[in-house]
Amino acid sequence: MDYLHLRKLVEGLRTALARVPGPVHDLLDVWCGARPYDDLFPRGARCVGFDTEDNPYGVADVASSTFLPFPAASFDLVVCIQAFHYMADPAYAVAEFARVLRPGGTALVTLVFAFEYDRRLPFEGRYTEQQLRDLFSGWTDVEVREDGGRGVAWAVLTNGLISAFEQRAARIRLLRLLHPLFAAAYAAVNTVGLLLSRGEAHSSGSAALPMNLTLTARVPNNG
């Protein structure tokens, strides 16, 4: 269902990581979850996964209720993938990224934009490029990349609606036989979304509706 969303996310990560200045000896993955992106990180880097104590996956190297319980200047690269929008105090989070990074170190943050939010959560934010640049003011080489546009956003949200219908149909045993039709619908929507996104890549305009945003920024060499 989220094929295009994840495809564009991984494309953005690969591009951003390839441009991170080396060498990267120590890497911190903030709120690492199930750590699905470990294989994308720089080879040879010591990767430390950090998460909260109630992390259900149990794969974090360090789990703590204290945010970033690490000494200052411990890492060359800090990544926060699809989790920054849960930070209730984003300015504090950015300041902590800077604290644990070595001078000249890089922060890489990806965020959802055109996606549903969970009403049960106490906080879930959305950020524009301008807001991200403001949060990382004082950093150097700040870049914000848009990953996936209206076509991808349309496909993901449309497949979300189809999924809701499928879940309702699954409650009725006879309608479970419709699963192949739902699978075909997901594939068709993804195909149309991909074609729309390719067409959008050649269009111009100041308005944007990205699926994700990928930010990279460096701590100044003078700390």
Protein backbone atom coordinates (compact mmCIF):
# COMPACT_ATOMS: atom_id res chain seq x y z
CA MET A 1 0.00 0.00 0.00
CA ASP A 2 2.82 2.42 0.90
CA TYR A 3 5.16 1.26 -1.87
CA LEU A 4 5.67 4.68 -3.47
CA HIS A 5 6.02 6.38 -0.08
CA LEU A 6 8.81 4.00 0.96
CA ARG A 7 10.44 4.04 -2.48
CA LYS A 8 10.75 7.81 -2.46
CA LEU A 9 11.90 7.79 1.18
CA VAL A 10 14.72 5.33 0.44
CA GLU A 11 15.72 7.25 -2.69
CA GLY A 12 15.99 10.43 -0.63
CA LEU A 13 17.99 8.68 2.09
CA ARG A 14 20.45 7.17 -0.37
CA THR A 15 21.03 10.54 -2.04
CA ALA A 16 21.44 12.40 1.25
CA LEU A 17 23.75 9.79 2.80
CA ALA A 18 25.94 9.75 -0.28
CA ARG A 19 26.56 13.47 0.21
CA VAL A 20 27.45 13.30 3.92
CA PRO A 21 31.08 14.37 4.34
CA GLY A 22 33.28 11.61 5.70
CA PRO A 23 34.70 9.93 7.46
CA VAL A 24 31.75 8.71 9.53
CA HIS A 25 33.13 6.64 12.40
CA ASP A 26 30.20 6.91 14.84
CA LEU A 27 26.52 7.17 13.88
CA LEU A 28 23.49 7.68 16.12
CA ASP A 29 20.05 6.54 14.93
CA VAL A 30 17.52 8.50 17.02
CA TRP A 31 14.27 6.66 17.75
CA CYS A 32 15.48 3.80 15.63
CA GLY A 33 12.33 1.65 15.80
CA ALA A 34 12.89 -1.68 14.04
CA ARG A 35 16.08 -0.31 12.38
CA PRO A 36 14.97 -0.98 8.79
CA TYR A 37 17.53 1.40 7.29
CA ASP A 38 20.76 0.08 8.84
CA ASP A 39 21.95 -1.30 5.50
CA LEU A 40 21.88 2.20 3.99
CA PHE A 41 24.30 3.69 6.53
CA PRO A 42 28.00 4.29 5.73
CA ARG A 43 30.04 1.12 5.72
CA GLY A 44 32.36 0.68 8.66
CA ALA A 45 30.50 3.15 10.87
CA ARG A 46 29.67 2.14 14.43
CA CYS A 47 25.88 2.49 14.52
CA VAL A 48 24.16 3.13 17.84
CA GLY A 49 20.38 2.73 17.85
CA PHE A 50 18.59 4.86 20.45
CA ASP A 51 14.94 4.63 21.43
CA THR A 52 12.58 5.17 24.34
CA GLU A 53 12.23 2.59 27.08
CA ASP A 54 8.80 1.53 25.78
CA ASN A 55 10.15 0.77 22.28
CA PRO A 56 8.21 -2.41 21.30
CA TYR A 57 10.90 -3.70 18.91
CA GLY A 58 13.61 -4.29 21.49
CA VAL A 59 16.48 -3.72 19.05
CA ALA A 60 17.84 -0.42 20.35
CA ASP A 61 21.39 -0.40 21.69
CA VAL A 62 20.39 2.26 24.21
CA ALA A 63 16.85 2.71 25.56
CA SER A 64 16.14 5.58 27.93
CA SER A 65 13.46 8.04 28.96
CA THR A 66 16.19 10.70 28.84
CA PHE A 67 16.59 12.15 25.39
CA LEU A 68 20.08 11.45 24.00
CA PRO A 69 21.92 10.34 27.16
CA PHE A 70 25.31 10.53 25.45
CA PRO A 71 28.42 12.65 26.08
CA ALA A 72 28.93 15.74 23.98
CA ALA A 73 30.76 15.36 20.65
CA SER A 74 30.22 11.57 20.48
CA PHE A 75 29.05 11.16 16.87
CA ASP A 76 29.90 12.17 13.32
CA LEU A 77 26.38 11.62 12.00
CA VAL A 78 22.97 11.74 13.70
CA VAL A 79 19.97 10.40 11.78
CA CYS A 80 16.31 10.63 12.72
CA ILE A 81 14.21 8.82 10.14
CA GLN A 82 10.44 9.37 10.07
CA ALA A 83 10.37 10.15 13.79
CA PHE A 84 11.17 13.87 14.18
CA HIS A 85 7.48 14.80 13.82
CA TYR A 86 6.89 13.10 17.18
CA MET A 87 9.26 15.49 18.99
CA ALA A 88 7.10 17.57 21.31
CA ASP A 89 9.96 20.08 21.70
CA PRO A 90 11.69 20.16 18.30
CA ALA A 91 14.01 23.06 19.19
CA TYR A 92 15.36 21.09 22.16
CA ALA A 93 15.79 18.01 19.96
CA VAL A 94 17.81 20.01 17.42
CA ALA A 95 19.97 21.46 20.20
CA GLU A 96 20.66 17.93 21.47
CA PHE A 97 21.58 16.79 17.98
CA ALA A 98 24.16 19.61 17.90
CA ARG A 99 25.46 18.74 21.36
CA VAL A 100 26.19 15.06 20.63
CA LEU A 101 27.69 15.79 17.20
CA ARG A 102 31.37 16.49 16.74
CA PRO A 103 32.32 19.84 15.12
CA GLY A 104 31.52 19.55 11.42
CA GLY A 105 29.21 16.57 12.07
CA THR A 106 25.97 16.09 10.15
CA ALA A 107 22.33 15.68 11.11
CA LEU A 108 20.03 13.88 8.66
CA VAL A 109 16.31 14.10 9.34
CA THR A 110 13.42 12.73 7.30
CA LEU A 111 9.83 13.72 8.01
CA VAL A 112 6.42 12.77 6.71
CA PHE A 113 4.37 15.60 5.24
CA ALA A 114 1.30 14.43 3.28
CA PHE A 115 0.27 11.63 5.60
CA GLU A 116 -2.42 10.80 8.12
CA TYR A 117 -1.85 11.66 11.78
CA ASP A 118 -2.85 9.57 14.78
CA ARG A 119 -5.50 11.22 16.98
CA ARG A 120 -4.43 9.05 19.94
CA LEU A 121 -0.97 10.58 20.16
CA PRO A 122 -0.33 13.63 22.36
CA PHE A 123 1.71 15.31 19.63
CA GLU A 124 2.44 14.77 15.94
CA GLY A 125 3.77 17.73 13.96
CA ARG A 126 4.15 18.64 10.30
CA TYR A 127 6.86 20.98 9.02
CA THR A 128 7.43 23.02 5.89
CA GLU A 129 10.88 23.64 4.43
CA GLN A 130 10.88 27.16 5.87
CA GLN A 131 10.11 25.90 9.38
CA LEU A 132 12.87 23.30 9.18
CA ARG A 133 15.41 25.89 8.06
CA ASP A 134 14.37 28.08 10.99
CA LEU A 135 14.84 25.18 13.44
CA PHE A 136 18.34 24.56 12.07
CA SER A 137 19.38 28.21 11.88
CA GLY A 138 22.98 28.53 13.04
CA TRP A 139 23.92 25.26 11.31
CA THR A 140 25.78 25.21 8.00
CA ASP A 141 25.07 23.56 4.63
CA VAL A 142 21.36 23.24 5.42
CA GLU A 143 19.57 21.44 2.60
CA VAL A 144 15.94 20.31 2.39
CA ARG A 145 14.90 17.81 -0.27
CA GLU A 146 11.31 17.06 -1.29
CA ASP A 147 10.77 13.31 -1.78
CA GLY A 148 7.66 12.45 -3.76
CA GLY A 149 5.14 15.03 -4.92
CA ARG A 150 1.41 15.23 -5.50
CA GLY A 151 1.30 12.01 -7.53
CA VAL A 152 2.93 9.97 -4.75
CA ALA A 153 0.85 11.70 -2.06
CA TRP A 154 -2.33 10.99 -4.05
CA ALA A 155 -1.40 7.32 -4.44
CA VAL A 156 -0.61 6.82 -0.75
CA LEU A 157 -3.76 8.55 0.47
CA THR A 158 -5.96 6.81 -2.11
CA ASN A 159 -4.54 3.43 -1.14
CA GLY A 160 -5.25 4.37 2.46
CA LEU A 161 -8.93 4.76 1.58
CA ILE A 162 -8.93 1.44 -0.28
CA SER A 163 -7.31 -0.21 2.74
CA ALA A 164 -10.07 1.13 4.99
CA PHE A 165 -12.69 -0.41 2.70
CA GLU A 166 -10.78 -3.69 2.62
CA GLN A 167 -10.66 -3.84 6.41
CA ARG A 168 -14.42 -3.33 6.57
CA ALA A 169 -14.98 -6.01 3.93
CA ALA A 170 -12.78 -8.44 5.88
CA ARG A 171 -15.32 -8.42 8.71
CA ILE A 172 -17.76 -10.15 6.41
CA ARG A 173 -16.48 -13.62 5.54
CA LEU A 174 -17.93 -13.71 2.04
CA LEU A 175 -16.36 -10.39 1.11
CA ARG A 176 -12.90 -11.69 2.02
CA LEU A 177 -12.93 -13.29 -1.40
CA LEU A 178 -12.49 -9.78 -2.81
CA HIS A 179 -8.87 -9.60 -1.58
CA PRO A 180 -7.39 -10.14 -5.10
CA LEU A 181 -9.43 -7.18 -6.34
CA PHE A 182 -8.08 -4.97 -3.57
CA ALA A 183 -4.52 -6.09 -4.35
CA ALA A 184 -5.09 -5.19 -8.00
CA ALA A 185 -6.47 -1.81 -6.98
CA TYR A 186 -3.34 -1.05 -4.89
CA ALA A 187 -1.11 -1.94 -7.85
CA ALA A 188 -3.16 0.18 -10.25
CA VAL A 189 -3.09 3.22 -7.96
CA ASN A 190 0.67 2.90 -7.45
CA THR A 191 1.20 2.70 -11.20
CA VAL A 192 -0.88 5.82 -11.85
CA GLY A 193 0.84 7.62 -8.96
CA LEU A 194 4.27 6.81 -10.37
CA LEU A 195 3.28 8.12 -13.81
CA LEU A 196 1.85 11.29 -12.27
CA SER A 197 5.01 11.85 -10.23
CA ARG A 198 7.18 11.52 -13.34
CA GLY A 199 5.05 14.09 -15.13
CA GLU A 200 5.16 16.39 -12.12
CA ALA A 201 8.97 16.23 -12.08
CA HIS A 202 8.98 18.13 -15.38
CA SER A 203 6.53 20.79 -14.25
CA SER A 204 7.39 24.08 -12.58
CA GLY A 205 5.78 26.17 -9.90
CA SER A 206 6.31 27.45 -6.37
CA ALA A 207 3.62 25.31 -4.70
CA ALA A 208 4.65 21.93 -3.32
CA LEU A 209 2.98 18.91 -1.74
CA PRO A 210 5.79 16.44 -0.96
CA MET A 211 5.27 13.01 0.56
CA ASN A 212 8.38 13.38 2.71
CA LEU A 213 11.05 15.97 3.45
CA THR A 214 14.72 15.07 3.91
CA LEU A 215 16.94 17.57 5.70
CA THR A 216 20.72 17.56 6.11
CA ALA A 217 22.67 20.14 8.12
CA ARG A 218 26.14 20.39 9.59
CA VAL A 219 27.34 21.65 12.96
CA PRO A 220 29.84 24.47 12.42
CA ASN A 221 33.47 23.40 12.76
CA ASN A 222 33.92 25.87 15.59
CA GLY A 223 31.19 23.98 17.54
